[in-house]
Amino acid sequence: MSASQTRRSFTRRFQQETGLSFGHWRDRLRCQIALRAEARGEKMEQVAQRLGYASRQSLQGMMKRVV
């Protein structure tokens, strides 16, 4: 089985099991992490950077789209 077939199989199986694409699942997880960090009083600029976003605004934009 080639790497592309393995990836496609994983992608299909993941969506069947979760009902979400991997990207959408990842965004929901990042939202959850960010919300918990915010509740603990962490600075959103630092949370955004830790989650791979360029700015607090870009993280908040993703969160608005997901929520």
N, C-alpha and C. Protein backbone atom coordinates (compact mmCIF):
# COMPACT_ATOMS: atom_id res chain seq x y z
N MET A 1 0.84 -1.17 0.00
CA MET A 1 0.00 0.00 0.00
C MET A 1 0.89 1.24 0.00
N SER A 2 0.62 2.19 -0.88
CA SER A 2 1.43 3.39 -0.96
C SER A 2 1.06 4.37 0.15
N ALA A 3 1.91 5.37 0.34
CA ALA A 3 1.65 6.37 1.38
C ALA A 3 0.36 7.13 1.11
N SER A 4 0.09 7.44 -0.16
CA SER A 4 -1.14 8.19 -0.48
C SER A 4 -2.38 7.34 -0.22
N GLN A 5 -2.31 6.04 -0.47
CA GLN A 5 -3.45 5.17 -0.18
C GLN A 5 -3.67 5.06 1.33
N THR A 6 -2.58 4.98 2.07
CA THR A 6 -2.67 4.90 3.52
C THR A 6 -3.30 6.17 4.08
N ARG A 7 -2.87 7.31 3.56
CA ARG A 7 -3.43 8.59 4.02
C ARG A 7 -4.92 8.67 3.70
N ARG A 8 -5.29 8.29 2.49
CA ARG A 8 -6.72 8.32 2.12
C ARG A 8 -7.53 7.39 3.00
N SER A 9 -6.99 6.22 3.28
CA SER A 9 -7.70 5.27 4.15
C SER A 9 -7.87 5.85 5.55
N PHE A 10 -6.80 6.45 6.06
CA PHE A 10 -6.88 7.06 7.38
C PHE A 10 -7.91 8.19 7.38
N THR A 11 -7.88 9.04 6.36
CA THR A 11 -8.80 10.17 6.27
C THR A 11 -10.25 9.71 6.24
N ARG A 12 -10.53 8.71 5.42
CA ARG A 12 -11.90 8.18 5.34
C ARG A 12 -12.33 7.57 6.67
N ARG A 13 -11.46 6.80 7.27
CA ARG A 13 -11.78 6.15 8.54
C ARG A 13 -11.98 7.17 9.66
N PHE A 14 -11.11 8.17 9.68
CA PHE A 14 -11.22 9.22 10.70
C PHE A 14 -12.57 9.91 10.59
N GLN A 15 -12.98 10.25 9.38
CA GLN A 15 -14.26 10.93 9.19
C GLN A 15 -15.42 10.02 9.56
N GLN A 16 -15.34 8.76 9.23
CA GLN A 16 -16.39 7.81 9.60
C GLN A 16 -16.52 7.71 11.12
N GLU A 17 -15.39 7.64 11.80
CA GLU A 17 -15.40 7.44 13.25
C GLU A 17 -15.81 8.69 14.03
N THR A 18 -15.40 9.88 13.55
CA THR A 18 -15.64 11.10 14.31
C THR A 18 -16.77 11.96 13.74
N GLY A 19 -17.08 11.77 12.48
CA GLY A 19 -18.07 12.62 11.83
C GLY A 19 -17.50 13.97 11.42
N LEU A 20 -16.19 14.13 11.56
CA LEU A 20 -15.51 15.39 11.24
C LEU A 20 -14.31 15.12 10.36
N SER A 21 -13.96 16.12 9.54
CA SER A 21 -12.68 16.02 8.84
C SER A 21 -11.58 16.21 9.87
N PHE A 22 -10.37 15.79 9.55
CA PHE A 22 -9.27 15.95 10.50
C PHE A 22 -9.04 17.43 10.79
N GLY A 23 -9.10 18.28 9.77
CA GLY A 23 -8.89 19.71 9.95
C GLY A 23 -9.91 20.33 10.88
N HIS A 24 -11.17 19.96 10.70
CA HIS A 24 -12.22 20.50 11.57
C HIS A 24 -12.05 19.98 12.99
N TRP A 25 -11.70 18.74 13.16
CA TRP A 25 -11.45 18.17 14.48
C TRP A 25 -10.30 18.90 15.16
N ARG A 26 -9.22 19.15 14.41
CA ARG A 26 -8.04 19.84 14.95
C ARG A 26 -8.42 21.25 15.40
N ASP A 27 -9.22 21.97 14.60
CA ASP A 27 -9.65 23.31 14.98
C ASP A 27 -10.48 23.29 16.25
N ARG A 28 -11.36 22.31 16.37
CA ARG A 28 -12.19 22.20 17.59
C ARG A 28 -11.31 21.92 18.81
N LEU A 29 -10.30 21.10 18.64
CA LEU A 29 -9.38 20.82 19.74
C LEU A 29 -8.62 22.07 20.13
N ARG A 30 -8.15 22.83 19.14
CA ARG A 30 -7.44 24.07 19.44
C ARG A 30 -8.34 25.07 20.15
N CYS A 31 -9.61 25.13 19.77
CA CYS A 31 -10.57 26.01 20.47
C CYS A 31 -10.69 25.60 21.93
N GLN A 32 -10.80 24.33 22.15
CA GLN A 32 -10.95 23.83 23.51
C GLN A 32 -9.71 24.16 24.35
N ILE A 33 -8.55 23.99 23.78
CA ILE A 33 -7.30 24.31 24.48
C ILE A 33 -7.25 25.80 24.79
N ALA A 34 -7.62 26.63 23.79
CA ALA A 34 -7.58 28.08 23.97
C ALA A 34 -8.57 28.54 25.04
N LEU A 35 -9.76 27.98 25.04
CA LEU A 35 -10.77 28.36 26.03
C LEU A 35 -10.34 27.99 27.44
N ARG A 36 -9.73 26.83 27.58
CA ARG A 36 -9.25 26.41 28.91
C ARG A 36 -8.11 27.32 29.37
N ALA A 37 -7.23 27.67 28.45
CA ALA A 37 -6.11 28.56 28.78
C ALA A 37 -6.64 29.94 29.18
N GLU A 38 -7.63 30.42 28.45
CA GLU A 38 -8.23 31.72 28.76
C GLU A 38 -8.87 31.69 30.15
N ALA A 39 -9.54 30.60 30.48
CA ALA A 39 -10.17 30.46 31.79
C ALA A 39 -9.14 30.45 32.92
N ARG A 40 -7.93 29.97 32.62
CA ARG A 40 -6.86 29.97 33.61
C ARG A 40 -6.17 31.33 33.70
N GLY A 41 -6.55 32.27 32.83
CA GLY A 41 -5.98 33.60 32.85
C GLY A 41 -4.73 33.78 32.01
N GLU A 42 -4.45 32.83 31.14
CA GLU A 42 -3.27 32.96 30.28
C GLU A 42 -3.51 34.06 29.24
N LYS A 43 -2.45 34.70 28.83
CA LYS A 43 -2.54 35.73 27.79
C LYS A 43 -2.81 35.06 26.45
N MET A 44 -3.81 35.57 25.75
CA MET A 44 -4.21 34.95 24.49
C MET A 44 -3.13 35.07 23.42
N GLU A 45 -2.28 36.08 23.50
CA GLU A 45 -1.17 36.19 22.55
C GLU A 45 -0.25 34.99 22.68
N GLN A 46 0.03 34.58 23.91
CA GLN A 46 0.90 33.44 24.14
C GLN A 46 0.22 32.13 23.74
N VAL A 47 -1.06 32.03 24.02
CA VAL A 47 -1.82 30.84 23.64
C VAL A 47 -1.83 30.70 22.12
N ALA A 48 -2.08 31.80 21.43
CA ALA A 48 -2.12 31.78 19.97
C ALA A 48 -0.78 31.31 19.41
N GLN A 49 0.29 31.85 19.94
CA GLN A 49 1.62 31.46 19.47
C GLN A 49 1.87 29.98 19.72
N ARG A 50 1.51 29.51 20.91
CA ARG A 50 1.71 28.10 21.25
C ARG A 50 0.93 27.17 20.32
N LEU A 51 -0.26 27.63 19.87
CA LEU A 51 -1.09 26.81 19.01
C LEU A 51 -0.77 26.98 17.52
N GLY A 52 0.22 27.83 17.22
CA GLY A 52 0.67 27.96 15.83
C GLY A 52 0.02 29.09 15.05
N TYR A 53 -0.60 30.03 15.74
CA TYR A 53 -1.21 31.18 15.07
C TYR A 53 -0.29 32.39 15.15
N ALA A 54 -0.36 33.23 14.14
CA ALA A 54 0.51 34.40 14.07
C ALA A 54 0.12 35.48 15.07
N SER A 55 -1.15 35.51 15.44
CA SER A 55 -1.62 36.56 16.34
C SER A 55 -2.85 36.09 17.11
N ARG A 56 -3.17 36.85 18.14
CA ARG A 56 -4.38 36.59 18.92
C ARG A 56 -5.61 36.72 18.03
N GLN A 57 -5.58 37.70 17.13
CA GLN A 57 -6.72 37.93 16.24
C GLN A 57 -6.96 36.75 15.30
N SER A 58 -5.91 36.15 14.81
CA SER A 58 -6.09 35.00 13.91
C SER A 58 -6.64 33.80 14.67
N LEU A 59 -6.21 33.59 15.90
CA LEU A 59 -6.77 32.53 16.73
C LEU A 59 -8.25 32.79 17.00
N GLN A 60 -8.57 34.02 17.36
CA GLN A 60 -9.96 34.37 17.65
C GLN A 60 -10.84 34.24 16.41
N GLY A 61 -10.30 34.56 15.24
CA GLY A 61 -11.05 34.38 14.00
C GLY A 61 -11.40 32.93 13.76
N MET A 62 -10.43 32.03 13.97
CA MET A 62 -10.70 30.60 13.82
C MET A 62 -11.74 30.16 14.84
N MET A 63 -11.65 30.66 16.05
CA MET A 63 -12.59 30.27 17.10
C MET A 63 -14.02 30.71 16.74
N LYS A 64 -14.14 31.88 16.17
CA LYS A 64 -15.47 32.36 15.75
C LYS A 64 -16.06 31.46 14.67
N ARG A 65 -15.21 31.06 13.72
CA ARG A 65 -15.69 30.18 12.64
C ARG A 65 -16.14 28.84 13.19
N VAL A 66 -15.42 28.31 14.15
CA VAL A 66 -15.73 26.98 14.69
C VAL A 66 -16.91 27.02 15.63
N VAL A 67 -16.97 28.01 16.48
CA VAL A 67 -18.04 28.10 17.47
C VAL A 67 -19.19 28.82 16.84
